[in-house]
Amino acid sequence: MANEEAKGHRDNTALYPPTVKNAEKSTAPAPPQLQHPEFMAKVPTATNLKWAASETADVYHLQVATDANFKWLQVDDHNVKQTEFSLKNLEPGKKYYWRVAAWKNGNMPGTNKSFFASSSFTTVKGE
């Protein structure tokens, strides 16, 4: 046993160096700020969705649905490069829910996407 103690503890740091976190790649982008339409607004059956840019986002994930749980998606676009999206041919007199998340390419898993910012609007009948 004295022989084993003399050898000491094996140092594996040469084989497995400690990981160093890159703060830039381990911080999720800020959620976008939704601008238009305002929450519960009444809009025509063709409208534009607008949001303020998230500083570190490369693209945005946009979803539009006819239910608050986003089960019945009308739009599910993971690669929106602009901060505006045009919707057409919406059903008159119907409530829609929409949400946007910022995405940063090259980030570590779990930090590449922000939380969703969400809202809803209703289309005007007869337009």
N, C-alpha and C. Protein backbone atom coordinates (compact mmCIF):
# COMPACT_ATOMS: atom_id res chain seq x y z
N MET A 1 0.81 -1.18 0.00
CA MET A 1 0.00 0.00 0.00
C MET A 1 0.87 1.26 0.00
N ALA A 2 2.00 1.19 0.67
CA ALA A 2 2.90 2.34 0.72
C ALA A 2 3.39 2.68 -0.68
N ASN A 3 3.55 1.64 -1.50
CA ASN A 3 3.98 1.86 -2.87
C ASN A 3 2.96 2.67 -3.68
N GLU A 4 1.65 2.37 -3.49
CA GLU A 4 0.58 3.09 -4.20
C GLU A 4 0.52 4.54 -3.77
N GLU A 5 0.72 4.81 -2.48
CA GLU A 5 0.68 6.18 -1.99
C GLU A 5 1.85 6.98 -2.54
N ALA A 6 2.95 6.32 -2.76
CA ALA A 6 4.14 7.00 -3.27
C ALA A 6 3.92 7.47 -4.70
N LYS A 7 3.12 6.73 -5.46
CA LYS A 7 2.85 7.12 -6.85
C LYS A 7 2.03 8.40 -6.90
N GLY A 8 1.19 8.62 -5.91
CA GLY A 8 0.36 9.82 -5.89
C GLY A 8 -0.85 9.70 -6.80
N HIS A 9 -1.59 10.75 -6.86
CA HIS A 9 -2.82 10.80 -7.66
C HIS A 9 -2.47 11.10 -9.11
N ARG A 10 -3.13 10.40 -10.01
CA ARG A 10 -2.91 10.65 -11.44
C ARG A 10 -3.53 11.98 -11.83
N ASP A 11 -2.81 12.74 -12.58
CA ASP A 11 -3.31 14.03 -13.05
C ASP A 11 -3.77 13.87 -14.49
N ASN A 12 -5.10 13.91 -14.70
CA ASN A 12 -5.66 13.74 -16.05
C ASN A 12 -5.94 15.07 -16.75
N THR A 13 -5.46 16.17 -16.20
CA THR A 13 -5.79 17.46 -16.82
C THR A 13 -5.15 17.62 -18.19
N ALA A 14 -4.08 16.90 -18.45
CA ALA A 14 -3.47 16.98 -19.78
C ALA A 14 -4.37 16.31 -20.82
N LEU A 15 -5.02 15.22 -20.42
CA LEU A 15 -5.92 14.53 -21.34
C LEU A 15 -7.29 15.18 -21.42
N TYR A 16 -7.78 15.67 -20.29
CA TYR A 16 -9.11 16.25 -20.21
C TYR A 16 -9.02 17.64 -19.57
N PRO A 17 -8.64 18.64 -20.35
CA PRO A 17 -8.52 19.98 -19.76
C PRO A 17 -9.88 20.48 -19.30
N PRO A 18 -9.91 21.31 -18.27
CA PRO A 18 -11.19 21.82 -17.80
C PRO A 18 -11.85 22.70 -18.87
N THR A 19 -13.16 22.59 -18.96
CA THR A 19 -13.87 23.39 -19.94
C THR A 19 -13.96 24.84 -19.47
N VAL A 20 -13.82 25.73 -20.43
CA VAL A 20 -13.90 27.16 -20.16
C VAL A 20 -15.13 27.67 -20.88
N LYS A 21 -16.04 28.26 -20.13
CA LYS A 21 -17.27 28.76 -20.74
C LYS A 21 -17.00 30.02 -21.55
N ASN A 22 -17.59 30.05 -22.73
CA ASN A 22 -17.53 31.24 -23.57
C ASN A 22 -18.82 32.00 -23.32
N ALA A 23 -18.74 33.12 -22.62
CA ALA A 23 -19.93 33.87 -22.24
C ALA A 23 -20.76 34.29 -23.45
N GLU A 24 -20.09 34.58 -24.55
CA GLU A 24 -20.81 35.01 -25.75
C GLU A 24 -21.67 33.89 -26.32
N LYS A 25 -21.18 32.65 -26.25
CA LYS A 25 -21.91 31.52 -26.80
C LYS A 25 -22.81 30.82 -25.79
N SER A 26 -22.74 31.22 -24.53
CA SER A 26 -23.56 30.56 -23.53
C SER A 26 -24.65 31.48 -22.97
N THR A 27 -24.88 32.61 -23.64
CA THR A 27 -25.93 33.54 -23.23
C THR A 27 -26.99 33.59 -24.32
N ALA A 28 -28.21 33.27 -23.95
CA ALA A 28 -29.31 33.28 -24.92
C ALA A 28 -29.61 34.71 -25.36
N PRO A 29 -30.07 34.89 -26.59
CA PRO A 29 -30.45 36.23 -27.01
C PRO A 29 -31.68 36.71 -26.24
N ALA A 30 -31.83 38.01 -26.14
CA ALA A 30 -33.00 38.58 -25.46
C ALA A 30 -34.24 38.34 -26.30
N PRO A 31 -35.39 38.11 -25.66
CA PRO A 31 -36.63 37.94 -26.43
C PRO A 31 -36.96 39.23 -27.18
N PRO A 32 -37.52 39.11 -28.38
CA PRO A 32 -37.89 40.31 -29.12
C PRO A 32 -39.06 41.03 -28.45
N GLN A 33 -39.18 42.32 -28.70
CA GLN A 33 -40.29 43.12 -28.19
C GLN A 33 -41.33 43.24 -29.31
N LEU A 34 -42.52 42.71 -29.08
CA LEU A 34 -43.57 42.77 -30.10
C LEU A 34 -44.09 44.19 -30.22
N GLN A 35 -44.34 44.64 -31.46
CA GLN A 35 -44.77 46.01 -31.69
C GLN A 35 -46.16 46.12 -32.33
N HIS A 36 -46.42 45.29 -33.34
CA HIS A 36 -47.69 45.41 -34.06
C HIS A 36 -48.14 44.04 -34.55
N PRO A 37 -49.40 43.72 -34.45
CA PRO A 37 -50.46 44.50 -33.82
C PRO A 37 -50.37 44.43 -32.30
N GLU A 38 -50.95 45.41 -31.66
CA GLU A 38 -50.98 45.43 -30.20
C GLU A 38 -51.86 44.30 -29.69
N PHE A 39 -51.68 43.95 -28.43
CA PHE A 39 -52.43 42.87 -27.80
C PHE A 39 -53.93 43.11 -27.95
N MET A 40 -54.63 42.12 -28.45
CA MET A 40 -56.09 42.11 -28.64
C MET A 40 -56.58 43.14 -29.66
N ALA A 41 -55.72 43.60 -30.54
CA ALA A 41 -56.11 44.57 -31.57
C ALA A 41 -57.02 43.90 -32.60
N LYS A 42 -57.82 44.70 -33.27
CA LYS A 42 -58.63 44.24 -34.39
C LYS A 42 -57.92 44.68 -35.66
N VAL A 43 -57.63 43.73 -36.55
CA VAL A 43 -56.85 44.01 -37.75
C VAL A 43 -57.56 43.45 -38.98
N PRO A 44 -57.21 43.94 -40.18
CA PRO A 44 -57.78 43.37 -41.40
C PRO A 44 -57.25 41.94 -41.63
N THR A 45 -57.82 41.25 -42.60
CA THR A 45 -57.43 39.86 -42.87
C THR A 45 -56.06 39.75 -43.56
N ALA A 46 -55.47 40.87 -43.89
CA ALA A 46 -54.08 40.93 -44.36
C ALA A 46 -53.39 41.97 -43.48
N THR A 47 -52.38 41.54 -42.76
CA THR A 47 -51.71 42.45 -41.83
C THR A 47 -50.23 42.09 -41.73
N ASN A 48 -49.45 43.00 -41.18
CA ASN A 48 -48.03 42.74 -40.94
C ASN A 48 -47.79 42.60 -39.45
N LEU A 49 -47.02 41.58 -39.09
CA LEU A 49 -46.57 41.42 -37.71
C LEU A 49 -45.20 42.09 -37.61
N LYS A 50 -44.98 42.88 -36.57
CA LYS A 50 -43.71 43.59 -36.42
C LYS A 50 -43.20 43.45 -34.99
N TRP A 51 -41.87 43.37 -34.86
CA TRP A 51 -41.24 43.31 -33.56
C TRP A 51 -39.89 44.02 -33.63
N ALA A 52 -39.41 44.47 -32.48
CA ALA A 52 -38.10 45.12 -32.39
C ALA A 52 -37.02 44.04 -32.42
N ALA A 53 -35.92 44.36 -33.05
CA ALA A 53 -34.82 43.40 -33.18
C ALA A 53 -34.20 43.08 -31.82
N SER A 54 -33.77 41.86 -31.68
CA SER A 54 -32.99 41.44 -30.53
C SER A 54 -31.53 41.60 -30.95
N GLU A 55 -30.73 42.30 -30.17
CA GLU A 55 -29.35 42.66 -30.55
C GLU A 55 -28.51 41.50 -31.06
N THR A 56 -28.57 40.38 -30.39
CA THR A 56 -27.67 39.28 -30.74
C THR A 56 -28.32 38.21 -31.61
N ALA A 57 -29.54 38.42 -32.05
CA ALA A 57 -30.24 37.40 -32.84
C ALA A 57 -29.73 37.37 -34.28
N ASP A 58 -29.64 36.17 -34.82
CA ASP A 58 -29.33 35.99 -36.24
C ASP A 58 -30.61 35.84 -37.05
N VAL A 59 -31.57 35.09 -36.52
CA VAL A 59 -32.87 34.89 -37.15
C VAL A 59 -33.92 34.78 -36.05
N TYR A 60 -35.19 34.68 -36.48
CA TYR A 60 -36.31 34.60 -35.53
C TYR A 60 -37.16 33.38 -35.85
N HIS A 61 -37.77 32.83 -34.82
CA HIS A 61 -38.72 31.73 -34.96
C HIS A 61 -40.11 32.33 -34.72
N LEU A 62 -40.94 32.31 -35.75
CA LEU A 62 -42.28 32.89 -35.70
C LEU A 62 -43.32 31.80 -35.78
N GLN A 63 -44.32 31.89 -34.90
CA GLN A 63 -45.46 30.98 -34.97
C GLN A 63 -46.74 31.79 -34.88
N VAL A 64 -47.72 31.41 -35.71
CA VAL A 64 -49.07 31.99 -35.67
C VAL A 64 -50.02 30.80 -35.59
N ALA A 65 -50.97 30.88 -34.66
CA ALA A 65 -51.89 29.76 -34.46
C ALA A 65 -53.30 30.28 -34.19
N THR A 66 -54.26 29.37 -34.28
CA THR A 66 -55.65 29.71 -33.98
C THR A 66 -56.04 29.28 -32.57
N ASP A 67 -55.07 28.81 -31.79
CA ASP A 67 -55.33 28.44 -30.40
C ASP A 67 -54.17 28.92 -29.52
N ALA A 68 -54.46 29.17 -28.26
CA ALA A 68 -53.47 29.73 -27.34
C ALA A 68 -52.33 28.75 -27.01
N ASN A 69 -52.54 27.47 -27.24
CA ASN A 69 -51.51 26.46 -26.97
C ASN A 69 -50.61 26.20 -28.17
N PHE A 70 -50.87 26.89 -29.28
CA PHE A 70 -50.10 26.76 -30.51
C PHE A 70 -50.08 25.33 -31.05
N LYS A 71 -51.23 24.67 -30.91
CA LYS A 71 -51.38 23.33 -31.48
C LYS A 71 -51.77 23.43 -32.96
N TRP A 72 -52.63 24.38 -33.30
CA TRP A 72 -53.13 24.53 -34.66
C TRP A 72 -52.38 25.66 -35.35
N LEU A 73 -51.14 25.35 -35.74
CA LEU A 73 -50.27 26.36 -36.35
C LEU A 73 -50.69 26.70 -37.77
N GLN A 74 -50.72 27.99 -38.04
CA GLN A 74 -50.95 28.50 -39.39
C GLN A 74 -49.61 28.88 -40.02
N VAL A 75 -48.67 29.31 -39.20
CA VAL A 75 -47.30 29.65 -39.61
C VAL A 75 -46.35 29.08 -38.57
N ASP A 76 -45.29 28.43 -39.03
CA ASP A 76 -44.22 27.95 -38.15
C ASP A 76 -42.91 28.10 -38.92
N ASP A 77 -42.34 29.29 -38.88
CA ASP A 77 -41.15 29.61 -39.67
C ASP A 77 -39.97 29.81 -38.73
N HIS A 78 -38.95 28.97 -38.88
CA HIS A 78 -37.77 29.01 -38.01
C HIS A 78 -36.66 29.90 -38.56
N ASN A 79 -36.88 30.51 -39.69
CA ASN A 79 -35.78 31.23 -40.34
C ASN A 79 -36.22 32.60 -40.85
N VAL A 80 -36.88 33.38 -40.01
CA VAL A 80 -37.31 34.72 -40.41
C VAL A 80 -36.14 35.67 -40.16
N LYS A 81 -35.65 36.29 -41.24
CA LYS A 81 -34.47 37.14 -41.13
C LYS A 81 -34.81 38.59 -40.83
N GLN A 82 -36.04 38.99 -41.12
CA GLN A 82 -36.47 40.37 -40.89
C GLN A 82 -37.18 40.47 -39.55
N THR A 83 -37.57 41.69 -39.19
CA THR A 83 -38.36 41.90 -37.97
C THR A 83 -39.80 42.24 -38.33
N GLU A 84 -40.23 41.72 -39.45
CA GLU A 84 -41.59 41.94 -39.94
C GLU A 84 -42.00 40.72 -40.76
N PHE A 85 -43.28 40.37 -40.67
CA PHE A 85 -43.78 39.22 -41.41
C PHE A 85 -45.18 39.55 -41.91
N SER A 86 -45.42 39.32 -43.17
CA SER A 86 -46.71 39.64 -43.79
C SER A 86 -47.64 38.43 -43.75
N LEU A 87 -48.85 38.65 -43.23
CA LEU A 87 -49.89 37.62 -43.21
C LEU A 87 -51.00 38.02 -44.17
N LYS A 88 -51.48 37.06 -44.93
CA LYS A 88 -52.57 37.32 -45.88
C LYS A 88 -53.60 36.22 -45.77
N ASN A 89 -54.80 36.51 -46.24
CA ASN A 89 -55.88 35.53 -46.31
C ASN A 89 -56.24 34.93 -44.96
N LEU A 90 -56.21 35.75 -43.93
CA LEU A 90 -56.66 35.30 -42.62
C LEU A 90 -58.18 35.20 -42.61
N GLU A 91 -58.70 34.35 -41.80
CA GLU A 91 -60.15 34.16 -41.72
C GLU A 91 -60.79 35.35 -40.98
N PRO A 92 -61.81 35.99 -41.58
CA PRO A 92 -62.45 37.14 -40.92
C PRO A 92 -63.14 36.74 -39.62
N GLY A 93 -63.06 37.63 -38.62
CA GLY A 93 -63.73 37.42 -37.34
C GLY A 93 -63.11 36.34 -36.48
N LYS A 94 -61.88 36.00 -36.73
CA LYS A 94 -61.21 34.92 -35.99
C LYS A 94 -60.09 35.49 -35.11
N LYS A 95 -59.86 34.84 -33.96
CA LYS A 95 -58.78 35.23 -33.06
C LYS A 95 -57.53 34.43 -33.42
N TYR A 96 -56.41 35.13 -33.49
CA TYR A 96 -55.12 34.51 -33.79
C TYR A 96 -54.14 34.81 -32.67
N TYR A 97 -53.23 33.89 -32.45
CA TYR A 97 -52.18 34.03 -31.44
C TYR A 97 -50.85 33.99 -32.19
N TRP A 98 -49.93 34.85 -31.78
CA TRP A 98 -48.63 34.85 -32.43
C TRP A 98 -47.52 35.02 -31.42
N ARG A 99 -46.36 34.46 -31.77
CA ARG A 99 -45.21 34.56 -30.88
C ARG A 99 -43.92 34.51 -31.70
N VAL A 100 -42.90 35.14 -31.13
CA VAL A 100 -41.60 35.23 -31.80
C VAL A 100 -40.50 34.96 -30.77
N ALA A 101 -39.51 34.18 -31.17
CA ALA A 101 -38.32 33.94 -30.36
C ALA A 101 -37.09 34.29 -31.18
N ALA A 102 -36.07 34.82 -30.53
CA ALA A 102 -34.80 35.14 -31.18
C ALA A 102 -33.91 33.91 -31.18
N TRP A 103 -33.13 33.73 -32.25
CA TRP A 103 -32.24 32.58 -32.40
C TRP A 103 -30.84 33.08 -32.71
N LYS A 104 -29.84 32.54 -32.03
CA LYS A 104 -28.43 32.89 -32.28
C LYS A 104 -27.69 31.66 -32.75
N ASN A 105 -27.24 31.69 -34.00
CA ASN A 105 -26.46 30.58 -34.55
C ASN A 105 -25.13 30.46 -33.82
N GLY A 106 -24.65 29.25 -33.65
CA GLY A 106 -23.36 29.02 -33.04
C GLY A 106 -23.37 29.01 -31.52
N ASN A 107 -24.50 29.31 -30.92
CA ASN A 107 -24.56 29.24 -29.46
C ASN A 107 -24.60 27.79 -29.00
N MET A 108 -24.31 27.58 -27.75
CA MET A 108 -24.36 26.25 -27.16
C MET A 108 -25.83 25.81 -27.07
N PRO A 109 -26.10 24.50 -27.16
CA PRO A 109 -27.48 24.03 -27.00
C PRO A 109 -28.07 24.52 -25.69
N GLY A 110 -29.30 24.92 -25.74
CA GLY A 110 -29.98 25.42 -24.55
C GLY A 110 -29.87 26.92 -24.40
N THR A 111 -28.95 27.54 -25.12
CA THR A 111 -28.82 29.00 -25.06
C THR A 111 -28.91 29.63 -26.44
N ASN A 112 -29.27 28.84 -27.44
CA ASN A 112 -29.33 29.39 -28.79
C ASN A 112 -30.68 30.05 -29.10
N LYS A 113 -31.68 29.87 -28.25
CA LYS A 113 -33.00 30.43 -28.51
C LYS A 113 -33.52 31.15 -27.27
N SER A 114 -34.13 32.31 -27.50
CA SER A 114 -34.72 33.07 -26.39
C SER A 114 -36.08 32.49 -26.04
N PHE A 115 -36.66 33.01 -24.98
CA PHE A 115 -38.05 32.70 -24.69
C PHE A 115 -38.92 33.37 -25.75
N PHE A 116 -40.12 32.84 -25.97
CA PHE A 116 -41.05 33.45 -26.90
C PHE A 116 -41.67 34.70 -26.27
N ALA A 117 -41.87 35.72 -27.09
CA ALA A 117 -42.71 36.86 -26.74
C ALA A 117 -44.02 36.62 -27.50
N SER A 118 -45.15 36.72 -26.84
CA SER A 118 -46.41 36.34 -27.49
C SER A 118 -47.51 37.36 -27.30
N SER A 119 -48.47 37.30 -28.21
CA SER A 119 -49.61 38.22 -28.21
C SER A 119 -50.74 37.59 -29.00
N SER A 120 -51.83 38.34 -29.14
CA SER A 120 -52.97 37.86 -29.94
C SER A 120 -53.66 39.04 -30.60
N PHE A 121 -54.43 38.72 -31.63
CA PHE A 121 -55.23 39.73 -32.31
C PHE A 121 -56.46 39.06 -32.91
N THR A 122 -57.42 39.86 -33.30
CA THR A 122 -58.63 39.36 -33.94
C THR A 122 -58.80 40.04 -35.28
N THR A 123 -59.19 39.27 -36.29
CA THR A 123 -59.43 39.87 -37.60
C THR A 123 -60.84 40.45 -37.64
N VAL A 124 -60.98 41.49 -38.42
CA VAL A 124 -62.27 42.19 -38.54
C VAL A 124 -63.14 41.45 -39.54
N LYS A 125 -64.42 41.28 -39.19
CA LYS A 125 -65.37 40.63 -40.11
C LYS A 125 -65.67 41.57 -41.28
N GLY A 126 -65.86 40.97 -42.43
CA GLY A 126 -66.28 41.73 -43.60
C GLY A 126 -65.19 42.49 -44.31
N GLU A 127 -63.93 42.19 -44.04
CA GLU A 127 -62.84 42.89 -44.74
C GLU A 127 -62.08 41.94 -45.60
